[in-house]
Protein backbone atom coordinates (compact mmCIF):
# COMPACT_ATOMS: atom_id res chain seq x y z
CA MET A 1 -16.73 -13.94 20.83
CA PRO A 2 -18.61 -10.69 20.14
CA SER A 3 -22.34 -10.43 20.34
CA THR A 4 -24.31 -11.29 17.23
CA GLN A 5 -26.23 -8.03 17.63
CA LEU A 6 -25.25 -5.01 15.54
CA PRO A 7 -23.42 -2.32 17.55
CA LEU A 8 -25.76 0.48 18.55
CA SER A 9 -23.35 3.15 17.28
CA LEU A 10 -23.72 2.04 13.66
CA PRO A 11 -26.77 2.15 11.42
CA ALA A 12 -28.56 -1.05 10.51
CA PRO A 13 -27.64 -2.69 7.20
CA PRO A 14 -29.64 -1.47 4.19
CA ALA A 15 -32.71 -3.25 2.99
CA GLU A 16 -32.21 -5.79 0.24
CA GLY A 17 -31.45 -4.06 -3.08
CA GLU A 18 -30.46 -0.77 -1.45
CA LEU A 19 -26.93 0.64 -1.46
CA PRO A 20 -25.65 1.86 1.90
CA LEU A 21 -24.69 5.49 2.23
CA VAL A 22 -22.31 5.07 5.15
CA PRO A 23 -18.59 4.39 4.62
CA ALA A 24 -16.76 1.35 5.89
CA ARG A 25 -15.60 1.75 9.43
CA MET A 26 -14.50 -0.16 12.49
CA VAL A 27 -16.32 0.23 15.78
CA ASN A 28 -15.29 -2.13 18.54
CA GLU A 29 -15.20 -5.47 16.76
CA TRP A 30 -17.32 -4.83 13.69
CA VAL A 31 -16.51 -3.66 10.18
CA TYR A 32 -19.11 -2.46 7.72
CA CYS A 33 -18.27 -2.14 4.03
CA PRO A 34 -20.55 -0.68 1.34
CA ARG A 35 -21.88 -3.33 -1.03
CA LEU A 36 -20.54 -6.03 1.26
CA ALA A 37 -21.90 -7.32 4.54
CA TRP A 38 -21.42 -6.82 8.24
CA LEU A 39 -18.29 -8.62 9.43
CA GLU A 40 -17.80 -9.96 12.94
CA TRP A 41 -14.61 -11.08 14.71
CA VAL A 42 -14.94 -14.84 15.19
CA ASP A 43 -12.12 -17.20 16.16
CA GLY A 44 -9.30 -15.02 14.90
CA ALA A 45 -10.90 -13.81 11.67
CA TRP A 46 -13.64 -11.52 10.45
CA ALA A 47 -16.70 -13.48 9.41
CA ASP A 48 -19.98 -12.67 7.73
CA SER A 49 -22.70 -11.73 10.20
CA GLY A 50 -25.08 -14.26 8.67
CA ASP A 51 -27.43 -11.64 7.24
CA THR A 52 -26.44 -12.46 3.67
CA ALA A 53 -29.83 -11.39 2.34
CA ARG A 54 -28.77 -7.78 2.97
CA GLY A 55 -25.29 -7.93 1.48
CA ARG A 56 -22.89 -10.06 -0.52
CA ARG A 57 -20.95 -12.45 1.70
CA ALA A 58 -17.49 -11.01 2.34
CA HIS A 59 -14.57 -13.18 3.35
CA ALA A 60 -12.04 -10.44 4.09
CA ARG A 61 -9.70 -11.06 7.01
CA VAL A 62 -8.65 -8.36 9.47
CA ASP A 63 -5.97 -9.10 12.06
CA ARG A 64 -5.87 -7.77 15.62
CA PRO A 65 -5.11 -5.23 16.88
CA GLY A 66 -7.59 -4.01 14.35
CA PRO A 67 -6.89 -1.30 11.79
CA ALA A 68 -8.55 2.09 11.78
CA LEU A 69 -11.09 2.22 8.95
CA PRO A 70 -12.64 5.67 9.26
CA ASP A 71 -13.64 5.97 5.61
CA ALA A 72 -12.69 2.93 3.54
CA GLU A 73 -14.86 2.65 0.47
CA ALA A 74 -14.81 -1.11 -0.04
CA VAL A 75 -12.95 -4.24 0.96
CA GLU A 76 -13.48 -7.06 -1.50
CA ASP A 77 -13.55 -10.81 -1.00
CA GLY A 78 -10.38 -12.52 0.12
CA ALA A 79 -8.59 -9.32 1.12
CA GLU A 80 -6.38 -9.45 4.19
CA ILE A 81 -5.75 -6.39 6.35
CA LYS A 82 -3.03 -7.00 8.88
CA ALA A 83 -2.62 -5.31 12.25
CA ASN A 84 -2.13 -1.59 12.88
CA CYS A 85 -3.14 -0.19 9.48
CA HIS A 86 -4.92 3.11 8.85
CA ILE A 87 -7.26 3.15 5.87
CA GLU A 88 -9.42 6.02 4.61
CA GLY A 89 -11.03 6.71 1.26
CA ALA A 90 -9.45 3.59 -0.22
CA HIS A 91 -10.64 0.59 -2.23
CA ILE A 92 -9.02 -2.78 -1.46
CA GLY A 93 -9.43 -5.34 -4.20
CA ALA A 94 -10.10 -9.06 -4.00
CA GLY A 95 -7.22 -11.02 -2.55
CA ALA A 96 -5.18 -7.92 -1.76
CA ARG A 97 -2.90 -7.89 1.28
CA VAL A 98 -2.35 -4.75 3.35
CA GLY A 99 0.02 -4.20 6.26
CA PRO A 100 0.94 -4.53 8.96
CA PHE A 101 1.50 -0.83 9.71
CA ALA A 102 0.38 0.41 6.28
CA ARG A 103 -1.48 3.63 5.49
CA LEU A 104 -3.97 3.98 2.65
CA ARG A 105 -5.10 7.55 2.09
CA PRO A 106 -7.93 8.89 -0.10
CA GLY A 107 -7.69 7.83 -3.71
CA ALA A 108 -5.75 4.63 -3.06
CA ARG A 109 -7.15 1.96 -5.37
CA LEU A 110 -5.72 -1.52 -4.91
CA GLY A 111 -6.46 -4.05 -7.62
CA ALA A 112 -6.76 -7.78 -7.12
CA ASP A 113 -3.87 -9.46 -5.29
CA VAL A 114 -1.97 -6.22 -4.69
CA HIS A 115 0.50 -6.29 -1.78
CA ILE A 116 1.03 -3.17 0.33
CA GLY A 117 3.43 -4.00 3.15
CA ASN A 118 4.76 -2.53 6.35
CA PHE A 119 5.34 1.23 6.53
CA VAL A 120 4.06 1.88 3.01
CA GLU A 121 1.85 4.93 2.42
CA VAL A 122 -0.38 5.16 -0.65
CA LYS A 123 -2.28 8.31 -1.63
CA ASN A 124 -4.24 8.87 -4.86
CA VAL A 125 -2.55 5.97 -6.66
CA VAL A 126 -4.18 3.17 -8.66
CA LEU A 127 -2.28 -0.13 -8.46
CA GLY A 128 -2.97 -2.79 -11.06
CA ALA A 129 -3.52 -6.45 -10.27
CA GLY A 130 -0.58 -8.15 -8.61
CA ALA A 131 1.50 -5.01 -8.08
CA LYS A 132 3.67 -5.01 -4.95
CA ALA A 133 5.16 -2.43 -2.61
CA ASN A 134 6.16 -4.50 0.36
CA HIS A 135 8.39 -2.23 2.44
CA LEU A 136 8.98 1.37 3.47
CA ALA A 137 7.68 3.40 0.50
CA TYR A 138 5.65 6.50 -0.31
CA LEU A 139 3.41 6.27 -3.37
CA GLY A 140 1.60 9.54 -3.97
CA ASP A 141 -0.32 10.65 -7.09
CA GLY A 142 0.10 8.22 -9.95
CA THR A 143 -0.52 4.78 -11.36
CA VAL A 144 1.30 1.49 -10.98
CA GLY A 145 0.80 -1.16 -13.64
CA ALA A 146 -0.11 -4.77 -13.03
CA ARG A 147 2.67 -6.98 -11.62
CA ALA A 148 5.03 -4.03 -11.10
CA ASN A 149 7.40 -4.29 -8.14
CA ILE A 150 8.24 -1.25 -6.02
CA GLY A 151 11.41 -1.73 -3.96
CA ALA A 152 11.94 -0.72 -0.34
CA GLY A 153 12.57 2.97 0.20
CA THR A 154 11.02 4.10 -3.10
CA ILE A 155 9.50 7.58 -3.09
CA PHE A 156 7.14 9.19 -5.57
CA CYS A 157 8.44 12.79 -5.40
CA ASN A 158 5.08 14.30 -6.26
CA TYR A 159 5.27 17.82 -4.80
CA ASP A 160 7.59 20.66 -5.81
CA GLY A 161 6.30 23.10 -3.20
CA PHE A 162 3.57 24.44 -5.48
CA ASN A 163 2.04 21.65 -7.57
CA LYS A 164 1.36 17.92 -7.36
CA SER A 165 2.51 15.83 -10.32
CA LYS A 166 1.98 12.21 -11.31
CA THR A 167 4.28 9.21 -11.54
CA VAL A 168 3.28 6.52 -14.03
CA ILE A 169 4.81 3.05 -13.77
CA GLY A 170 4.08 0.53 -16.51
CA GLU A 171 3.15 -3.12 -16.20
CA ALA A 172 5.79 -5.48 -14.82
CA ALA A 173 8.28 -2.65 -14.24
CA PHE A 174 10.85 -3.12 -11.49
CA ILE A 175 11.83 -0.21 -9.26
CA GLY A 176 15.00 -0.88 -7.29
CA SER A 177 15.29 -0.10 -3.60
CA ASN A 178 15.85 3.47 -2.40
CA SER A 179 14.83 5.06 -5.68
CA SER A 180 13.35 8.56 -5.97
CA LEU A 181 11.00 9.10 -8.91
CA VAL A 182 10.69 12.85 -9.50
CA ALA A 183 7.28 13.57 -11.00
CA PRO A 184 6.08 14.12 -13.59
CA VAL A 185 7.80 10.99 -14.87
CA GLU A 186 6.91 7.74 -16.61
CA ILE A 187 8.58 4.35 -16.24
CA GLY A 188 7.75 2.14 -19.21
CA ALA A 189 6.37 -1.37 -19.05
CA GLY A 190 8.99 -3.94 -18.18
CA ALA A 191 11.64 -1.30 -17.45
CA TYR A 192 14.15 -1.55 -14.60
CA VAL A 193 15.31 1.26 -12.33
CA GLY A 194 18.62 0.60 -10.58
CA SER A 195 18.70 0.83 -6.79
CA GLY A 196 19.56 4.23 -5.37
CA SER A 197 18.63 6.16 -8.51
CA VAL A 198 17.01 9.58 -8.73
CA ILE A 199 14.92 9.44 -11.90
CA THR A 200 13.95 12.77 -13.45
CA ARG A 201 13.36 11.72 -17.07
CA ASN A 202 11.05 9.18 -18.67
CA VAL A 203 12.33 5.61 -18.98
CA PRO A 204 11.35 3.69 -22.15
CA PRO A 205 9.75 0.24 -21.92
CA ASP A 206 12.20 -2.61 -21.23
CA ALA A 207 15.06 -0.16 -20.59
CA LEU A 208 17.41 0.04 -17.61
CA ALA A 209 17.79 3.43 -15.92
CA ILE A 210 20.63 4.03 -13.44
CA GLU A 211 21.49 7.38 -11.89
CA ARG A 212 24.30 7.35 -9.33
CA THR A 213 27.98 8.26 -9.13
CA ALA A 214 30.61 5.66 -9.88
CA GLN A 215 31.75 3.61 -6.89
CA GLU A 216 35.34 4.20 -5.80
CA THR A 217 37.16 1.48 -3.83
CA LYS A 218 40.44 2.20 -2.02
CA GLU A 219 42.23 -1.02 -1.16
CA GLY A 220 43.70 -1.11 2.35
CA TRP A 221 42.23 2.24 3.38
CA ALA A 222 40.37 0.89 6.44
CA ALA A 223 43.47 -0.75 7.92
CA LYS A 224 45.51 2.44 7.45
CA PHE A 225 42.72 4.51 9.05
CA ARG A 226 42.53 2.26 12.11
CA ALA A 227 46.31 2.41 12.51
CA LEU A 228 46.22 6.22 12.31
CA MET A 229 43.51 6.42 14.97
CA ALA A 230 45.46 4.05 17.23
CA ARG A 231 48.59 6.23 16.99
CA GLN A 232 46.61 9.37 17.80
CA ALA A 233 45.10 7.70 20.87
CA ARG A 234 48.52 7.04 22.45
């Protein structure tokens, strides 16, 4: 168990009523979050340092190996940060779940109970309460409404080589796996985007948008191909 003394490389907590000027960060086995309290690794979880007079008690959990928190703005109560995450300039809301292996860049704002899963990168995006991006996605420059679901492999195509543009996803929208959303674009509340689509135009609320070529199936082709290859190998 770590020492109950504050690490020498970090400043002392602010006096009661004062707001700290330093960002959240991880040094050895401590995390400090503005407007929260010092957290200490105790029995497999981060726990309040006991100095609750100098900060609101925070019950965030951070798994080992610990994430890098060079400049996180705040981690609210009940948040869980899993192993091997990198977080800078981000706000993690109450009950949110991040990682493992997630990256939150400056401007990432996670509302309550948001899920950001493995190999998801978020930059300058506000996610409403309960929104989810659980696997392999890039969310850059935009907003995601409450309870929206972002499928694996989704990309916010935010840069055209000259300018950054925004993607706006409405509440409870569903983005199918391997979709590319070419900004600027808006997906209406409750709308569905079919898997594998490249969306370049706005999608109205409660609509279904699909952009892909028609599937062609050739019966018996595989057997004929294998037979051809076998003859050529003789």
